[in-house]
Amino acid sequence: MTVSSKSGRQTMRALAVLASAGAIGLALAGCTPDEPTTTEKGTTPAVITGNPAPTAGLDVADGIGESGHGETAAATLKTTSGKEIGEATFSPTGESLAVVVKINSGSGLAEGLHGMHIHTGTTCNPADDFASAGGHLQVDGHTGTPESGDLVSMSILADGSGATTTSTSSVTLAQVTGHTLIIHDAAPDTEARVACGVIEAEDH
C-alpha cells in the first residue's frame, strides 16, 4: 500500500465523522428544550411555537356561545289528575327546533298513537280538562294546515311509556316558549287532552 493511498483513506474517514457530527447537531437544533417525552412507539410530540390559541369565548353554531350551552326549554307533562308522567325538551338545531318527549311507564296513557301539538294557551288547568291550553299554535303569517304547532304522533306502549324525538321548522324556540304542549287521547274518535305541560325556558 502506498503512502498516498493510506493518506486518502484517512481523509475520507475524517470527512465521514464530520458529516455525522453535523447531522446530529442539526437534529438537536430542531428540538425544543422542554419538549415532553412520549411512551408511544413511533410518535413524536408536536412542537408548539408561540402562544396557544385561546379556548375561552368560542363561538359555536346553533346558538351555543361562551358558556358552552345553548338556549333550551322544557315542559313537565301532567295528566288531568295532576300526576307527573314525563317531560318534553325543546332545543334549536340549525334551522329547526328539536323536540324530545319522554313518558314514564305507569303513566296511565292508553297504548297506541297519541296526537301531539303545541297549543296557544299559557296554562294547563286540569279542572277544565286542559281547555285552558287553547287551540293549535299558528305563528304570525301562517295559515292553513299543517298548523305551526303540529308535531308527529307519539307511540305509547302497553306499560304506558313512550319516547319520541322529532324536529320542526315551522316554529322557533322563542315562538313556543310560554305556550303549552298537549298530548291527545289515542282513541280515534276523540281529541280529549290527556296530558299537558307549559313550555318554559331553562336556566343555564
N, C-alpha and C. Protein backbone atom coordinates (compact mmCIF):
# COMPACT_ATOMS: atom_id res chain seq x y z
N MET A 1 0.86 -1.20 0.00
CA MET A 1 0.00 0.00 0.00
C MET A 1 0.89 1.24 0.00
N THR A 2 0.59 2.21 -0.89
CA THR A 2 1.41 3.41 -0.98
C THR A 2 1.01 4.40 0.09
N VAL A 3 1.87 5.34 0.38
CA VAL A 3 1.60 6.36 1.40
C VAL A 3 0.43 7.23 0.99
N SER A 4 0.35 7.56 -0.31
CA SER A 4 -0.74 8.44 -0.76
C SER A 4 -2.09 7.77 -0.63
N SER A 5 -2.15 6.42 -0.88
CA SER A 5 -3.43 5.70 -0.74
C SER A 5 -3.88 5.69 0.70
N LYS A 6 -2.96 5.40 1.65
CA LYS A 6 -3.29 5.39 3.07
C LYS A 6 -3.78 6.75 3.54
N SER A 7 -3.11 7.79 3.06
CA SER A 7 -3.50 9.15 3.45
C SER A 7 -4.89 9.49 2.93
N GLY A 8 -5.24 9.01 1.73
CA GLY A 8 -6.55 9.28 1.15
C GLY A 8 -7.66 8.64 1.96
N ARG A 9 -7.44 7.39 2.43
CA ARG A 9 -8.45 6.71 3.24
C ARG A 9 -8.68 7.42 4.57
N GLN A 10 -7.59 7.88 5.17
CA GLN A 10 -7.73 8.61 6.44
C GLN A 10 -8.53 9.89 6.25
N THR A 11 -8.32 10.54 5.12
CA THR A 11 -9.06 11.77 4.84
C THR A 11 -10.55 11.50 4.69
N MET A 12 -10.89 10.38 3.99
CA MET A 12 -12.30 10.02 3.80
C MET A 12 -12.97 9.72 5.12
N ARG A 13 -12.30 8.99 6.03
CA ARG A 13 -12.86 8.68 7.34
C ARG A 13 -13.13 9.96 8.14
N ALA A 14 -12.19 10.89 8.08
CA ALA A 14 -12.35 12.15 8.81
C ALA A 14 -13.56 12.92 8.31
N LEU A 15 -13.75 12.93 6.97
CA LEU A 15 -14.90 13.63 6.41
C LEU A 15 -16.21 12.99 6.83
N ALA A 16 -16.24 11.65 6.90
CA ALA A 16 -17.45 10.94 7.32
C ALA A 16 -17.82 11.27 8.75
N VAL A 17 -16.82 11.32 9.63
CA VAL A 17 -17.06 11.66 11.03
C VAL A 17 -17.63 13.07 11.15
N LEU A 18 -17.05 14.00 10.39
CA LEU A 18 -17.53 15.39 10.44
C LEU A 18 -18.97 15.49 9.93
N ALA A 19 -19.32 14.75 8.88
CA ALA A 19 -20.68 14.78 8.34
C ALA A 19 -21.68 14.24 9.34
N SER A 20 -21.30 13.16 10.03
CA SER A 20 -22.18 12.57 11.04
C SER A 20 -22.42 13.54 12.19
N ALA A 21 -21.37 14.20 12.63
CA ALA A 21 -21.49 15.17 13.73
C ALA A 21 -22.39 16.33 13.32
N GLY A 22 -22.28 16.76 12.07
CA GLY A 22 -23.12 17.85 11.59
C GLY A 22 -24.59 17.49 11.59
N ALA A 23 -24.91 16.23 11.19
CA ALA A 23 -26.30 15.78 11.17
C ALA A 23 -26.89 15.74 12.56
N ILE A 24 -26.10 15.27 13.54
CA ILE A 24 -26.57 15.24 14.93
C ILE A 24 -26.84 16.64 15.44
N GLY A 25 -25.97 17.58 15.08
CA GLY A 25 -26.15 18.96 15.51
C GLY A 25 -27.44 19.56 14.97
N LEU A 26 -27.75 19.25 13.69
CA LEU A 26 -28.98 19.77 13.11
C LEU A 26 -30.20 19.18 13.79
N ALA A 27 -30.16 17.89 14.11
CA ALA A 27 -31.29 17.24 14.78
C ALA A 27 -31.53 17.84 16.15
N LEU A 28 -30.44 18.10 16.90
CA LEU A 28 -30.58 18.70 18.22
C LEU A 28 -31.13 20.11 18.13
N ALA A 29 -30.73 20.83 17.10
CA ALA A 29 -31.19 22.21 16.95
C ALA A 29 -32.70 22.26 16.70
N GLY A 30 -33.27 21.20 16.11
CA GLY A 30 -34.70 21.18 15.82
C GLY A 30 -35.55 20.82 17.01
N CYS A 31 -34.99 20.47 18.15
CA CYS A 31 -35.76 20.07 19.32
C CYS A 31 -35.95 21.25 20.26
N THR A 32 -37.07 21.29 20.93
CA THR A 32 -37.28 22.32 21.94
C THR A 32 -36.76 21.80 23.26
N PRO A 33 -36.18 22.64 24.11
CA PRO A 33 -35.57 22.18 25.36
C PRO A 33 -36.56 21.54 26.32
N ASP A 34 -37.82 21.97 26.28
CA ASP A 34 -38.81 21.44 27.22
C ASP A 34 -39.78 20.48 26.56
N GLU A 35 -39.41 19.93 25.42
CA GLU A 35 -40.30 19.05 24.69
C GLU A 35 -40.65 17.84 25.53
N PRO A 36 -41.93 17.49 25.69
CA PRO A 36 -42.32 16.35 26.52
C PRO A 36 -41.94 15.04 25.86
N THR A 37 -41.73 14.05 26.69
CA THR A 37 -41.40 12.73 26.18
C THR A 37 -42.68 11.96 25.93
N THR A 38 -42.59 10.89 25.18
CA THR A 38 -43.75 10.06 24.91
C THR A 38 -43.37 8.61 25.04
N THR A 39 -44.29 7.82 25.52
CA THR A 39 -44.06 6.38 25.64
C THR A 39 -44.66 5.64 24.45
N GLU A 40 -45.34 6.33 23.57
CA GLU A 40 -45.94 5.72 22.40
C GLU A 40 -44.87 5.48 21.35
N LYS A 41 -44.73 4.25 20.90
CA LYS A 41 -43.71 3.93 19.91
C LYS A 41 -44.04 4.60 18.58
N GLY A 42 -42.99 5.15 17.97
CA GLY A 42 -43.15 5.73 16.65
C GLY A 42 -43.85 7.07 16.64
N THR A 43 -43.95 7.75 17.79
CA THR A 43 -44.61 9.06 17.84
C THR A 43 -43.65 10.10 18.36
N THR A 44 -43.90 11.35 17.97
CA THR A 44 -43.11 12.47 18.44
C THR A 44 -44.07 13.57 18.86
N PRO A 45 -43.96 14.10 20.07
CA PRO A 45 -44.87 15.17 20.50
C PRO A 45 -44.77 16.37 19.58
N ALA A 46 -45.89 17.03 19.35
CA ALA A 46 -45.90 18.19 18.47
C ALA A 46 -45.12 19.33 19.10
N VAL A 47 -44.39 20.07 18.27
CA VAL A 47 -43.65 21.24 18.74
C VAL A 47 -44.56 22.45 18.62
N ILE A 48 -44.82 23.14 19.73
CA ILE A 48 -45.71 24.29 19.74
C ILE A 48 -44.88 25.56 19.74
N THR A 49 -45.15 26.43 18.79
CA THR A 49 -44.43 27.69 18.72
C THR A 49 -45.41 28.81 19.00
N GLY A 50 -44.94 29.86 19.68
CA GLY A 50 -45.81 30.97 20.00
C GLY A 50 -46.79 30.61 21.10
N ASN A 51 -47.84 31.43 21.28
CA ASN A 51 -48.83 31.20 22.31
C ASN A 51 -49.95 30.31 21.79
N PRO A 52 -50.42 29.33 22.60
CA PRO A 52 -51.55 28.51 22.17
C PRO A 52 -52.78 29.36 21.95
N ALA A 53 -53.65 28.92 21.03
CA ALA A 53 -54.88 29.66 20.75
C ALA A 53 -55.76 29.70 21.98
N PRO A 54 -56.42 30.82 22.27
CA PRO A 54 -57.30 30.91 23.44
C PRO A 54 -58.48 29.97 23.28
N THR A 55 -58.96 29.42 24.41
CA THR A 55 -60.09 28.50 24.37
C THR A 55 -61.37 29.13 24.88
N ALA A 56 -61.29 30.27 25.53
CA ALA A 56 -62.48 30.89 26.10
C ALA A 56 -63.20 31.73 25.05
N GLY A 57 -64.51 31.83 25.18
CA GLY A 57 -65.28 32.72 24.32
C GLY A 57 -65.43 32.24 22.90
N LEU A 58 -65.38 30.93 22.65
CA LEU A 58 -65.50 30.43 21.30
C LEU A 58 -66.94 30.55 20.83
N ASP A 59 -67.13 30.93 19.57
CA ASP A 59 -68.47 30.99 19.00
C ASP A 59 -68.73 29.70 18.26
N VAL A 60 -69.78 28.99 18.66
CA VAL A 60 -70.15 27.74 18.03
C VAL A 60 -71.54 27.88 17.46
N ALA A 61 -71.82 27.19 16.38
CA ALA A 61 -73.10 27.31 15.70
C ALA A 61 -74.25 26.85 16.60
N ASP A 62 -75.46 27.14 16.13
CA ASP A 62 -76.69 26.72 16.80
C ASP A 62 -76.90 27.39 18.15
N GLY A 63 -76.41 28.62 18.31
CA GLY A 63 -76.75 29.38 19.50
C GLY A 63 -75.93 29.06 20.72
N ILE A 64 -74.90 28.22 20.59
CA ILE A 64 -74.07 27.92 21.75
C ILE A 64 -72.95 28.94 21.80
N GLY A 65 -72.80 29.63 22.89
CA GLY A 65 -71.83 30.71 22.99
C GLY A 65 -70.77 30.46 24.02
N GLU A 66 -70.38 31.50 24.74
CA GLU A 66 -69.26 31.41 25.65
C GLU A 66 -69.50 30.43 26.78
N SER A 67 -70.72 30.27 27.20
CA SER A 67 -70.99 29.39 28.32
C SER A 67 -70.91 27.93 27.95
N GLY A 68 -70.93 27.62 26.63
CA GLY A 68 -70.88 26.25 26.19
C GLY A 68 -72.25 25.60 26.17
N HIS A 69 -73.30 26.35 26.46
CA HIS A 69 -74.65 25.81 26.47
C HIS A 69 -75.53 26.64 25.56
N GLY A 70 -76.45 25.96 24.86
CA GLY A 70 -77.40 26.67 24.04
C GLY A 70 -78.68 26.91 24.80
N GLU A 71 -79.55 27.77 24.26
CA GLU A 71 -80.83 28.02 24.89
C GLU A 71 -81.74 26.82 24.68
N THR A 72 -82.44 26.42 25.71
CA THR A 72 -83.39 25.31 25.62
C THR A 72 -84.62 25.65 26.45
N ALA A 73 -85.67 24.85 26.24
CA ALA A 73 -86.89 24.98 27.04
C ALA A 73 -87.40 23.59 27.35
N ALA A 74 -88.24 23.49 28.37
CA ALA A 74 -88.75 22.18 28.77
C ALA A 74 -90.17 22.32 29.31
N ALA A 75 -90.91 21.22 29.24
CA ALA A 75 -92.27 21.18 29.77
C ALA A 75 -92.44 19.91 30.58
N THR A 76 -92.92 20.05 31.81
CA THR A 76 -93.27 18.89 32.63
C THR A 76 -94.70 18.50 32.31
N LEU A 77 -94.88 17.27 31.87
CA LEU A 77 -96.20 16.82 31.42
C LEU A 77 -96.98 16.19 32.56
N LYS A 78 -98.23 16.62 32.71
CA LYS A 78 -99.10 16.10 33.77
C LYS A 78 -100.44 15.67 33.17
N THR A 79 -101.08 14.72 33.84
CA THR A 79 -102.41 14.29 33.43
C THR A 79 -103.46 15.19 34.08
N THR A 80 -104.72 14.97 33.74
CA THR A 80 -105.80 15.78 34.32
C THR A 80 -105.96 15.52 35.82
N SER A 81 -105.35 14.45 36.32
CA SER A 81 -105.38 14.19 37.77
C SER A 81 -104.23 14.87 38.50
N GLY A 82 -103.35 15.53 37.73
CA GLY A 82 -102.21 16.22 38.32
C GLY A 82 -100.96 15.36 38.45
N LYS A 83 -101.00 14.14 37.95
CA LYS A 83 -99.86 13.23 38.03
C LYS A 83 -98.81 13.60 36.99
N GLU A 84 -97.55 13.73 37.44
CA GLU A 84 -96.45 13.97 36.51
C GLU A 84 -96.09 12.67 35.81
N ILE A 85 -96.10 12.70 34.49
CA ILE A 85 -95.86 11.45 33.75
C ILE A 85 -94.68 11.52 32.79
N GLY A 86 -94.08 12.69 32.64
CA GLY A 86 -92.95 12.77 31.72
C GLY A 86 -92.51 14.20 31.48
N GLU A 87 -91.67 14.36 30.47
CA GLU A 87 -91.09 15.67 30.18
C GLU A 87 -90.83 15.80 28.69
N ALA A 88 -90.88 17.04 28.21
CA ALA A 88 -90.52 17.36 26.83
C ALA A 88 -89.45 18.44 26.85
N THR A 89 -88.48 18.33 25.96
CA THR A 89 -87.43 19.35 25.86
C THR A 89 -87.41 19.90 24.44
N PHE A 90 -87.03 21.16 24.32
CA PHE A 90 -87.01 21.86 23.04
C PHE A 90 -85.65 22.55 22.90
N SER A 91 -84.98 22.33 21.78
CA SER A 91 -83.66 22.95 21.58
C SER A 91 -83.43 23.23 20.10
N PRO A 92 -82.88 24.41 19.77
CA PRO A 92 -82.60 24.73 18.37
C PRO A 92 -81.50 23.84 17.82
N THR A 93 -81.68 23.37 16.60
CA THR A 93 -80.66 22.59 15.90
C THR A 93 -80.60 23.08 14.47
N GLY A 94 -79.67 23.99 14.20
CA GLY A 94 -79.59 24.56 12.87
C GLY A 94 -80.82 25.40 12.56
N GLU A 95 -81.53 25.04 11.49
CA GLU A 95 -82.72 25.78 11.08
C GLU A 95 -84.00 25.19 11.67
N SER A 96 -83.88 24.18 12.50
CA SER A 96 -85.06 23.50 13.05
C SER A 96 -85.08 23.56 14.57
N LEU A 97 -86.20 23.11 15.13
CA LEU A 97 -86.34 23.01 16.58
C LEU A 97 -86.50 21.53 16.92
N ALA A 98 -85.56 20.99 17.68
CA ALA A 98 -85.63 19.59 18.09
C ALA A 98 -86.56 19.44 19.28
N VAL A 99 -87.40 18.42 19.23
CA VAL A 99 -88.37 18.16 20.30
C VAL A 99 -88.20 16.72 20.75
N VAL A 100 -87.91 16.54 22.04
CA VAL A 100 -87.75 15.20 22.61
C VAL A 100 -88.78 15.04 23.72
N VAL A 101 -89.63 14.02 23.59
CA VAL A 101 -90.69 13.77 24.57
C VAL A 101 -90.51 12.39 25.16
N LYS A 102 -90.52 12.31 26.50
CA LYS A 102 -90.40 11.03 27.19
C LYS A 102 -91.54 10.88 28.19
N ILE A 103 -92.23 9.75 28.10
CA ILE A 103 -93.33 9.44 29.01
C ILE A 103 -92.93 8.23 29.85
N ASN A 104 -93.13 8.32 31.15
CA ASN A 104 -92.72 7.25 32.06
C ASN A 104 -93.71 6.08 32.02
N SER A 105 -93.18 4.90 32.35
CA SER A 105 -94.07 3.74 32.46
C SER A 105 -95.04 3.97 33.62
N GLY A 106 -96.22 3.40 33.52
CA GLY A 106 -97.24 3.62 34.54
C GLY A 106 -97.90 4.97 34.43
N SER A 107 -97.77 5.61 33.28
CA SER A 107 -98.35 6.95 33.10
C SER A 107 -99.87 6.94 33.12
N GLY A 108 -100.45 5.81 32.75
CA GLY A 108 -101.90 5.75 32.64
C GLY A 108 -102.41 6.06 31.26
N LEU A 109 -101.50 6.47 30.34
CA LEU A 109 -101.92 6.73 28.96
C LEU A 109 -102.19 5.40 28.26
N ALA A 110 -103.21 5.39 27.42
CA ALA A 110 -103.58 4.17 26.71
C ALA A 110 -102.55 3.82 25.64
N GLU A 111 -102.40 2.53 25.39
CA GLU A 111 -101.49 2.07 24.35
C GLU A 111 -101.99 2.56 22.98
N GLY A 112 -101.06 2.98 22.14
CA GLY A 112 -101.42 3.42 20.79
C GLY A 112 -100.79 4.74 20.43
N LEU A 113 -101.23 5.29 19.30
CA LEU A 113 -100.71 6.56 18.79
C LEU A 113 -101.51 7.73 19.35
N HIS A 114 -100.79 8.68 19.92
CA HIS A 114 -101.41 9.86 20.52
C HIS A 114 -101.00 11.11 19.73
N GLY A 115 -101.98 11.91 19.34
CA GLY A 115 -101.68 13.17 18.69
C GLY A 115 -100.94 14.10 19.65
N MET A 116 -100.04 14.92 19.10
CA MET A 116 -99.22 15.80 19.95
C MET A 116 -99.08 17.14 19.24
N HIS A 117 -99.41 18.21 19.96
CA HIS A 117 -99.38 19.55 19.35
C HIS A 117 -98.93 20.59 20.37
N ILE A 118 -98.39 21.69 19.84
CA ILE A 118 -98.12 22.87 20.65
C ILE A 118 -99.35 23.76 20.54
N HIS A 119 -99.88 24.18 21.68
CA HIS A 119 -101.12 24.97 21.71
C HIS A 119 -100.83 26.42 22.10
N THR A 120 -101.82 27.27 21.86
CA THR A 120 -101.64 28.71 22.08
C THR A 120 -101.70 29.11 23.55
N GLY A 121 -102.38 28.33 24.37
CA GLY A 121 -102.58 28.70 25.77
C GLY A 121 -101.29 28.73 26.56
N THR A 122 -101.37 29.36 27.72
CA THR A 122 -100.19 29.50 28.58
C THR A 122 -100.35 28.80 29.92
N THR A 123 -101.45 28.09 30.09
CA THR A 123 -101.68 27.37 31.35
C THR A 123 -102.25 25.99 31.06
N CYS A 124 -102.04 25.09 32.02
CA CYS A 124 -102.62 23.74 31.96
C CYS A 124 -103.53 23.57 33.18
N ASN A 125 -104.80 23.78 32.99
CA ASN A 125 -105.75 23.70 34.10
C ASN A 125 -106.49 22.37 34.06
N PRO A 126 -106.18 21.45 34.98
CA PRO A 126 -106.84 20.13 34.95
C PRO A 126 -108.33 20.22 35.24
N ALA A 127 -108.77 21.28 35.88
CA ALA A 127 -110.19 21.41 36.22
C ALA A 127 -111.07 21.53 34.98
N ASP A 128 -110.51 22.05 33.89
CA ASP A 128 -111.29 22.16 32.65
C ASP A 128 -110.78 21.20 31.58
N ASP A 129 -110.10 20.13 32.03
CA ASP A 129 -109.55 19.12 31.11
C ASP A 129 -108.61 19.75 30.08
N PHE A 130 -107.87 20.72 30.53
CA PHE A 130 -106.84 21.41 29.74
C PHE A 130 -107.42 22.23 28.58
N ALA A 131 -108.68 22.62 28.68
CA ALA A 131 -109.24 23.53 27.68
C ALA A 131 -108.51 24.86 27.71
N SER A 132 -107.92 25.19 28.86
CA SER A 132 -107.17 26.44 29.02
C SER A 132 -105.96 26.50 28.09
N ALA A 133 -105.56 25.36 27.55
CA ALA A 133 -104.39 25.34 26.66
C ALA A 133 -104.70 25.93 25.30
N GLY A 134 -105.97 26.21 25.03
CA GLY A 134 -106.33 26.83 23.76
C GLY A 134 -106.22 25.89 22.58
N GLY A 135 -106.23 26.50 21.38
CA GLY A 135 -106.14 25.72 20.15
C GLY A 135 -104.71 25.54 19.68
N HIS A 136 -104.55 24.92 18.52
CA HIS A 136 -103.22 24.69 17.98
C HIS A 136 -102.52 26.01 17.65
N LEU A 137 -101.25 26.07 17.92
CA LEU A 137 -100.47 27.29 17.68
C LEU A 137 -100.32 27.56 16.18
N GLN A 138 -100.58 28.81 15.80
CA GLN A 138 -100.29 29.30 14.46
C GLN A 138 -99.45 30.56 14.61
N VAL A 139 -98.24 30.55 14.06
CA VAL A 139 -97.39 31.73 14.17
C VAL A 139 -97.87 32.78 13.18
N ASP A 140 -97.48 34.03 13.42
CA ASP A 140 -97.90 35.14 12.56
C ASP A 140 -97.50 34.87 11.11
N GLY A 141 -98.44 35.08 10.22
CA GLY A 141 -98.17 34.92 8.80
C GLY A 141 -98.42 33.53 8.26
N HIS A 142 -98.75 32.58 9.14
CA HIS A 142 -99.00 31.21 8.68
C HIS A 142 -100.47 30.86 8.83
N THR A 143 -101.04 30.31 7.75
CA THR A 143 -102.44 29.87 7.79
C THR A 143 -102.52 28.47 7.20
N GLY A 144 -103.64 27.81 7.41
CA GLY A 144 -103.84 26.50 6.82
C GLY A 144 -103.19 25.39 7.61
N THR A 145 -103.18 24.21 7.00
CA THR A 145 -102.63 23.02 7.64
C THR A 145 -101.47 22.46 6.82
N PRO A 146 -100.53 21.75 7.44
CA PRO A 146 -100.45 21.54 8.89
C PRO A 146 -100.21 22.86 9.62
N GLU A 147 -100.77 22.95 10.80
CA GLU A 147 -100.62 24.16 11.59
C GLU A 147 -99.22 24.23 12.20
N SER A 148 -98.82 25.42 12.59
CA SER A 148 -97.45 25.62 13.08
C SER A 148 -97.11 24.72 14.25
N GLY A 149 -98.09 24.48 15.11
CA GLY A 149 -97.84 23.69 16.32
C GLY A 149 -97.99 22.19 16.15
N ASP A 150 -98.30 21.73 14.94
CA ASP A 150 -98.50 20.30 14.73
C ASP A 150 -97.17 19.54 14.81
N LEU A 151 -97.16 18.47 15.58
CA LEU A 151 -96.00 17.59 15.69
C LEU A 151 -96.40 16.18 15.29
N VAL A 152 -95.44 15.26 15.29
CA VAL A 152 -95.74 13.87 14.96
C VAL A 152 -96.54 13.23 16.10
N SER A 153 -97.25 12.15 15.77
CA SER A 153 -97.95 11.41 16.82
C SER A 153 -96.94 10.63 17.65
N MET A 154 -97.31 10.38 18.89
CA MET A 154 -96.43 9.68 19.82
C MET A 154 -96.97 8.29 20.12
N SER A 155 -96.10 7.28 20.03
CA SER A 155 -96.50 5.91 20.30
C SER A 155 -96.30 5.59 21.78
N ILE A 156 -97.38 5.15 22.42
CA ILE A 156 -97.32 4.74 23.83
C ILE A 156 -97.43 3.21 23.90
N LEU A 157 -96.54 2.60 24.66
CA LEU A 157 -96.51 1.15 24.79
C LEU A 157 -97.53 0.67 25.83
N ALA A 158 -97.63 -0.65 25.95
CA ALA A 158 -98.62 -1.24 26.85
C ALA A 158 -98.38 -0.86 28.30
N ASP A 159 -97.11 -0.58 28.67
CA ASP A 159 -96.81 -0.21 30.06
C ASP A 159 -97.00 1.28 30.32
N GLY A 160 -97.47 2.00 29.31
CA GLY A 160 -97.72 3.43 29.48
C GLY A 160 -96.54 4.32 29.16
N SER A 161 -95.42 3.73 28.76
CA SER A 161 -94.23 4.54 28.46
C SER A 161 -94.13 4.85 26.98
N GLY A 162 -93.33 5.84 26.67
CA GLY A 162 -93.11 6.21 25.28
C GLY A 162 -91.98 7.21 25.17
N ALA A 163 -91.36 7.27 23.99
CA ALA A 163 -90.29 8.23 23.75
C ALA A 163 -90.31 8.62 22.28
N THR A 164 -90.29 9.90 22.01
CA THR A 164 -90.33 10.40 20.64
C THR A 164 -89.33 11.53 20.48
N THR A 165 -88.55 11.45 19.40
CA THR A 165 -87.64 12.53 19.04
C THR A 165 -88.01 13.00 17.64
N THR A 166 -88.28 14.28 17.50
CA THR A 166 -88.67 14.82 16.21
C THR A 166 -88.13 16.24 16.08
N SER A 167 -88.38 16.87 14.95
CA SER A 167 -87.97 18.26 14.77
C SER A 167 -88.99 18.96 13.88
N THR A 168 -89.04 20.27 14.02
CA THR A 168 -89.96 21.07 13.22
C THR A 168 -89.27 22.37 12.80
N SER A 169 -89.54 22.78 11.59
CA SER A 169 -89.01 24.06 11.10
C SER A 169 -90.12 25.10 11.02
N SER A 170 -91.29 24.76 11.56
CA SER A 170 -92.44 25.67 11.50
C SER A 170 -92.46 26.71 12.61
N VAL A 171 -91.70 26.44 13.68
CA VAL A 171 -91.66 27.35 14.82
C VAL A 171 -90.24 27.45 15.35
N THR A 172 -89.99 28.53 16.07
CA THR A 172 -88.70 28.71 16.73
C THR A 172 -88.87 28.50 18.24
N LEU A 173 -87.76 28.44 18.94
CA LEU A 173 -87.82 28.27 20.39
C LEU A 173 -88.56 29.44 21.04
N ALA A 174 -88.29 30.65 20.57
CA ALA A 174 -88.95 31.83 21.14
C ALA A 174 -90.46 31.79 20.91
N GLN A 175 -90.88 31.23 19.78
CA GLN A 175 -92.31 31.21 19.46
C GLN A 175 -93.10 30.19 20.27
N VAL A 176 -92.42 29.17 20.81
CA VAL A 176 -93.15 28.16 21.59
C VAL A 176 -93.01 28.37 23.09
N THR A 177 -91.97 29.07 23.52
CA THR A 177 -91.75 29.28 24.95
C THR A 177 -92.91 30.07 25.56
N GLY A 178 -93.44 29.55 26.65
CA GLY A 178 -94.58 30.17 27.31
C GLY A 178 -95.91 29.57 26.90
N HIS A 179 -95.91 28.78 25.83
CA HIS A 179 -97.14 28.12 25.38
C HIS A 179 -97.19 26.69 25.94
N THR A 180 -98.13 25.90 25.47
CA THR A 180 -98.36 24.58 26.06
C THR A 180 -98.17 23.45 25.04
N LEU A 181 -97.74 22.30 25.56
CA LEU A 181 -97.67 21.08 24.76
C LEU A 181 -98.79 20.16 25.23
N ILE A 182 -99.59 19.69 24.28
CA ILE A 182 -100.72 18.82 24.60
C ILE A 182 -100.53 17.45 23.95
N ILE A 183 -100.80 16.40 24.72
CA ILE A 183 -100.89 15.05 24.17
C ILE A 183 -102.36 14.64 24.23
N HIS A 184 -102.87 14.20 23.09
CA HIS A 184 -104.28 13.83 22.98
C HIS A 184 -104.48 12.33 23.22
N ASP A 185 -105.71 11.97 23.45
CA ASP A 185 -106.07 10.57 23.66
C ASP A 185 -105.81 9.76 22.39
N ALA A 186 -105.52 8.47 22.57
CA ALA A 186 -105.24 7.61 21.42
C ALA A 186 -106.50 7.20 20.68
N ALA A 187 -107.65 7.31 21.31
CA ALA A 187 -108.90 6.90 20.66
C ALA A 187 -109.14 7.74 19.41
N PRO A 188 -109.41 7.09 18.27
CA PRO A 188 -109.55 7.83 17.01
C PRO A 188 -110.77 8.74 16.95
N ASP A 189 -111.76 8.50 17.78
CA ASP A 189 -113.00 9.29 17.72
C ASP A 189 -113.06 10.39 18.76
N THR A 190 -111.91 10.68 19.38
CA THR A 190 -111.90 11.74 20.40
C THR A 190 -110.60 12.52 20.31
N GLU A 191 -110.68 13.78 20.70
CA GLU A 191 -109.47 14.61 20.78
C GLU A 191 -109.25 15.04 22.22
N ALA A 192 -109.66 14.20 23.14
CA ALA A 192 -109.50 14.52 24.56
C ALA A 192 -108.04 14.80 24.88
N ARG A 193 -107.81 15.75 25.74
CA ARG A 193 -106.46 16.15 26.12
C ARG A 193 -106.07 15.39 27.39
N VAL A 194 -105.13 14.45 27.24
CA VAL A 194 -104.79 13.57 28.36
C VAL A 194 -103.52 13.99 29.10
N ALA A 195 -102.73 14.87 28.51
CA ALA A 195 -101.52 15.37 29.19
C ALA A 195 -101.20 16.77 28.69
N CYS A 196 -100.66 17.58 29.58
CA CYS A 196 -100.36 18.97 29.24
C CYS A 196 -99.13 19.44 30.00
N GLY A 197 -98.37 20.33 29.37
CA GLY A 197 -97.22 20.93 30.04
C GLY A 197 -96.93 22.30 29.48
N VAL A 198 -96.59 23.25 30.34
CA VAL A 198 -96.23 24.60 29.91
C VAL A 198 -94.75 24.60 29.53
N ILE A 199 -94.45 25.11 28.35
CA ILE A 199 -93.07 25.16 27.85
C ILE A 199 -92.37 26.36 28.46
N GLU A 200 -91.37 26.10 29.27
CA GLU A 200 -90.67 27.16 29.99
C GLU A 200 -89.18 27.15 29.67
N ALA A 201 -88.59 28.35 29.57
CA ALA A 201 -87.16 28.46 29.29
C ALA A 201 -86.36 27.86 30.44
N GLU A 202 -85.27 27.18 30.11
CA GLU A 202 -84.41 26.58 31.12
C GLU A 202 -83.24 27.50 31.42
N ASP A 203 -82.81 27.54 32.68
CA ASP A 203 -81.65 28.33 33.08
C ASP A 203 -80.39 27.51 32.87
N HIS A 204 -79.33 28.19 32.38
CA HIS A 204 -78.05 27.51 32.16
C HIS A 204 -76.96 28.26 32.89
